[in-house]
């Protein structure tokens, strides 16, 4: 089976592969955030593993702030509030893996609004 990542696109910054329909027990986010942009605070019932491919991001995991750089891996434990902001001079790109064939999460912040 071959899947074109573009067919998985959710937004300008994010694509999502959910493995359940393919008998795969994991889901993968592909994210690309320009400097200064961020993901909203949310929580998952499973851990999320962030593989940082390029750039730099500051993660908030519960009450801890962690700076992650290209070549590093960060783990947000299950049921821990988390978000991140791209803080480097180049886009923060990562592959985020959740050990579940179906993505489940709860947004803890509203979507940002312009103006």
Foldseek 3Di string as FASTA:
>chain_A
DDDDQVVQDPDPFWGKQQQPVVVAQKMKIKGKAFAFDKDAKKAFQAKKKKQWQAAWKWKQWANDTDIDHHRDIDIRGHPTIMMIGGHGNGITIIMMMTRGSDTDMDGPDDDDDDD
